[in-house]
Amino acid sequence: MYERRHETVASKAVFLRRMVNHILVAFLLVVCALAIGVSGYHWLAGLSWVDSLYEASMILGGMGPFNRLDSNAAKIFASLYALFSGLVFIALIGIVLAPIAHRMLHIFHTEGDID
């Protein structure tokens, strides 16, 4: 996927295409994580679809819960979803920053080569 250490640095067009691809993967991950949260809040907490979307978005975005949860199943789901959301956030940062970090390291590596 990326160029190897003996290859030249990718062009800006290749780098931008790579960034777009990584951002699309990150977006799909957010959509999947949001779908899990919306479904769980709707079926386990009994919230409406809109309230479920709002609650899942707030948790996934790091803002915290909004609605009061009464059942134990809903509280357990909310706890697990909050932990899952934290891991999704870490994964998203890695996915989006990977091409940037690779390009920077590759540029530093090629600048230091003495032939």
C-alpha atoms as a PDB file:
ATOM      1  CA  MET A   1       0.000   0.000   0.000  1.00  0.00           C
ATOM      2  CA  TYR A   2       2.780   2.415   0.895  1.00  0.00           C
ATOM      3  CA  GLU A   3       6.109   2.859  -0.836  1.00  0.00           C
ATOM      4  CA  ARG A   4       9.075   0.990   0.582  1.00  0.00           C
ATOM      5  CA  ARG A   5      12.176   2.607   1.996  1.00  0.00           C
ATOM      6  CA  HIS A   6      14.202   2.307  -1.216  1.00  0.00           C
ATOM      7  CA  GLU A   7      11.411   3.866  -3.334  1.00  0.00           C
ATOM      8  CA  THR A   8      10.917   7.588  -3.883  1.00  0.00           C
ATOM      9  CA  VAL A   9       8.375   9.586  -1.901  1.00  0.00           C
ATOM     10  CA  ALA A  10       4.868   9.364  -3.337  1.00  0.00           C
ATOM     11  CA  SER A  11       3.598  12.296  -5.367  1.00  0.00           C
ATOM     12  CA  LYS A  12       1.121  14.748  -3.878  1.00  0.00           C
ATOM     13  CA  ALA A  13      -1.683  13.236  -5.971  1.00  0.00           C
ATOM     14  CA  VAL A  14      -0.956   9.752  -4.609  1.00  0.00           C
ATOM     15  CA  PHE A  15      -0.728  11.129  -1.080  1.00  0.00           C
ATOM     16  CA  LEU A  16      -4.047  13.000  -1.418  1.00  0.00           C
ATOM     17  CA  ARG A  17      -5.752   9.895  -2.830  1.00  0.00           C
ATOM     18  CA  ARG A  18      -4.346   7.900   0.079  1.00  0.00           C
ATOM     19  CA  MET A  19      -5.666  10.492   2.550  1.00  0.00           C
ATOM     20  CA  VAL A  20      -9.125  10.438   0.954  1.00  0.00           C
ATOM     21  CA  ASN A  21      -9.177   6.637   1.162  1.00  0.00           C
ATOM     22  CA  HIS A  22      -8.199   6.691   4.834  1.00  0.00           C
ATOM     23  CA  ILE A  23     -10.796   9.340   5.621  1.00  0.00           C
ATOM     24  CA  LEU A  24     -13.460   7.248   3.867  1.00  0.00           C
ATOM     25  CA  VAL A  25     -12.476   4.204   5.932  1.00  0.00           C
ATOM     26  CA  ALA A  26     -12.661   6.335   9.082  1.00  0.00           C
ATOM     27  CA  PHE A  27     -16.086   7.622   8.042  1.00  0.00           C
ATOM     28  CA  LEU A  28     -17.338   4.066   7.485  1.00  0.00           C
ATOM     29  CA  LEU A  29     -16.040   3.093  10.920  1.00  0.00           C
ATOM     30  CA  VAL A  30     -17.944   6.008  12.466  1.00  0.00           C
ATOM     31  CA  VAL A  31     -21.138   5.018  10.620  1.00  0.00           C
ATOM     32  CA  CYS A  32     -20.824   1.396  11.823  1.00  0.00           C
ATOM     33  CA  ALA A  33     -20.122   2.470  15.403  1.00  0.00           C
ATOM     34  CA  LEU A  34     -23.048   4.877  15.296  1.00  0.00           C
ATOM     35  CA  ALA A  35     -25.341   2.153  13.943  1.00  0.00           C
ATOM     36  CA  ILE A  36     -24.360  -0.121  16.835  1.00  0.00           C
ATOM     37  CA  GLY A  37     -25.103   2.629  19.341  1.00  0.00           C
ATOM     38  CA  VAL A  38     -28.407   3.661  17.777  1.00  0.00           C
ATOM     39  CA  SER A  39     -29.610   0.052  17.655  1.00  0.00           C
ATOM     40  CA  GLY A  40     -28.600  -0.650  21.241  1.00  0.00           C
ATOM     41  CA  TYR A  41     -30.188   2.470  22.651  1.00  0.00           C
ATOM     42  CA  HIS A  42     -33.364   1.893  20.664  1.00  0.00           C
ATOM     43  CA  TRP A  43     -33.872  -1.768  21.530  1.00  0.00           C
ATOM     44  CA  LEU A  44     -32.322  -1.975  25.005  1.00  0.00           C
ATOM     45  CA  ALA A  45     -33.139   1.452  26.441  1.00  0.00           C
ATOM     46  CA  GLY A  46     -36.449   1.886  24.634  1.00  0.00           C
ATOM     47  CA  LEU A  47     -35.534   5.294  23.236  1.00  0.00           C
ATOM     48  CA  SER A  48     -37.014   6.583  19.986  1.00  0.00           C
ATOM     49  CA  TRP A  49     -34.845   6.414  16.879  1.00  0.00           C
ATOM     50  CA  VAL A  50     -34.066  10.124  17.058  1.00  0.00           C
ATOM     51  CA  ASP A  51     -33.238  10.003  20.769  1.00  0.00           C
ATOM     52  CA  SER A  52     -31.126   6.898  20.155  1.00  0.00           C
ATOM     53  CA  LEU A  53     -29.220   8.704  17.412  1.00  0.00           C
ATOM     54  CA  TYR A  54     -28.706  11.700  19.680  1.00  0.00           C
ATOM     55  CA  GLU A  55     -27.540   9.545  22.601  1.00  0.00           C
ATOM     56  CA  ALA A  56     -25.162   7.457  20.468  1.00  0.00           C
ATOM     57  CA  SER A  57     -23.772  10.591  18.803  1.00  0.00           C
ATOM     58  CA  MET A  58     -23.155  12.236  22.153  1.00  0.00           C
ATOM     59  CA  ILE A  59     -21.321   9.187  23.510  1.00  0.00           C
ATOM     60  CA  LEU A  60     -19.336   8.597  20.307  1.00  0.00           C
ATOM     61  CA  GLY A  61     -18.381  12.268  20.156  1.00  0.00           C
ATOM     62  CA  GLY A  62     -17.152  12.232  23.749  1.00  0.00           C
ATOM     63  CA  MET A  63     -19.821  14.554  25.118  1.00  0.00           C
ATOM     64  CA  GLY A  64     -21.387  12.037  27.488  1.00  0.00           C
ATOM     65  CA  PRO A  65     -24.872  10.630  28.030  1.00  0.00           C
ATOM     66  CA  PHE A  66     -28.001  12.724  27.845  1.00  0.00           C
ATOM     67  CA  ASN A  67     -31.049  10.543  28.574  1.00  0.00           C
ATOM     68  CA  ARG A  68     -31.779   8.754  31.823  1.00  0.00           C
ATOM     69  CA  LEU A  69     -31.503   4.985  31.524  1.00  0.00           C
ATOM     70  CA  ASP A  70     -33.747   2.893  33.771  1.00  0.00           C
ATOM     71  CA  SER A  71     -33.056  -0.761  32.945  1.00  0.00           C
ATOM     72  CA  ASN A  72     -29.900  -2.598  33.912  1.00  0.00           C
ATOM     73  CA  ALA A  73     -29.480  -3.913  30.359  1.00  0.00           C
ATOM     74  CA  ALA A  74     -29.488  -0.347  29.018  1.00  0.00           C
ATOM     75  CA  LYS A  75     -26.951   0.762  31.618  1.00  0.00           C
ATOM     76  CA  ILE A  76     -24.630  -2.149  30.826  1.00  0.00           C
ATOM     77  CA  PHE A  77     -24.949  -1.434  27.113  1.00  0.00           C
ATOM     78  CA  ALA A  78     -24.222   2.261  27.702  1.00  0.00           C
ATOM     79  CA  SER A  79     -21.097   1.375  29.694  1.00  0.00           C
ATOM     80  CA  LEU A  80     -19.817  -1.019  27.040  1.00  0.00           C
ATOM     81  CA  TYR A  81     -20.671   1.413  24.249  1.00  0.00           C
ATOM     82  CA  ALA A  82     -18.775   4.209  26.005  1.00  0.00           C
ATOM     83  CA  LEU A  83     -15.672   1.996  26.262  1.00  0.00           C
ATOM     84  CA  PHE A  84     -16.109   0.923  22.640  1.00  0.00           C
ATOM     85  CA  SER A  85     -16.413   4.574  21.587  1.00  0.00           C
ATOM     86  CA  GLY A  86     -13.096   5.387  23.230  1.00  0.00           C
ATOM     87  CA  LEU A  87     -11.404   2.595  21.288  1.00  0.00           C
ATOM     88  CA  VAL A  88     -13.066   3.748  18.063  1.00  0.00           C
ATOM     89  CA  PHE A  89     -11.694   7.237  18.662  1.00  0.00           C
ATOM     90  CA  ILE A  90      -8.165   5.879  19.068  1.00  0.00           C
ATOM     91  CA  ALA A  91      -8.558   3.774  15.911  1.00  0.00           C
ATOM     92  CA  LEU A  92      -9.842   6.771  13.951  1.00  0.00           C
ATOM     93  CA  ILE A  93      -6.832   8.849  14.924  1.00  0.00           C
ATOM     94  CA  GLY A  94      -4.531   6.044  13.809  1.00  0.00           C
ATOM     95  CA  ILE A  95      -6.338   5.552  10.503  1.00  0.00           C
ATOM     96  CA  VAL A  96      -6.322   9.242   9.596  1.00  0.00           C
ATOM     97  CA  LEU A  97      -2.786  10.001  10.779  1.00  0.00           C
ATOM     98  CA  ALA A  98      -1.091   6.885   9.337  1.00  0.00           C
ATOM     99  CA  PRO A  99      -0.503   8.319   5.838  1.00  0.00           C
ATOM    100  CA  ILE A 100       0.775  11.597   7.273  1.00  0.00           C
ATOM    101  CA  ALA A 101       3.158   9.869   9.677  1.00  0.00           C
ATOM    102  CA  HIS A 102       4.375   7.528   6.950  1.00  0.00           C
ATOM    103  CA  ARG A 103       5.026  10.378   4.539  1.00  0.00           C
ATOM    104  CA  MET A 104       6.920  12.402   7.138  1.00  0.00           C
ATOM    105  CA  LEU A 105       9.072   9.439   8.148  1.00  0.00           C
ATOM    106  CA  HIS A 106       9.689   8.509   4.521  1.00  0.00           C
ATOM    107  CA  ILE A 107      10.785  12.072   3.689  1.00  0.00           C
ATOM    108  CA  PHE A 108      13.127  12.138   6.691  1.00  0.00           C
ATOM    109  CA  HIS A 109      14.542   8.757   5.674  1.00  0.00           C
ATOM    110  CA  THR A 110      15.198   9.719   2.068  1.00  0.00           C
ATOM    111  CA  GLU A 111      16.759  13.061   3.014  1.00  0.00           C
ATOM    112  CA  GLY A 112      19.253  11.302   5.263  1.00  0.00           C
ATOM    113  CA  ASP A 113      20.399   8.776   2.633  1.00  0.00           C
ATOM    114  CA  ILE A 114      23.945   9.146   1.453  1.00  0.00           C
ATOM    115  CA  ASP A 115      24.656   7.322  -1.790  1.00  0.00           C
END
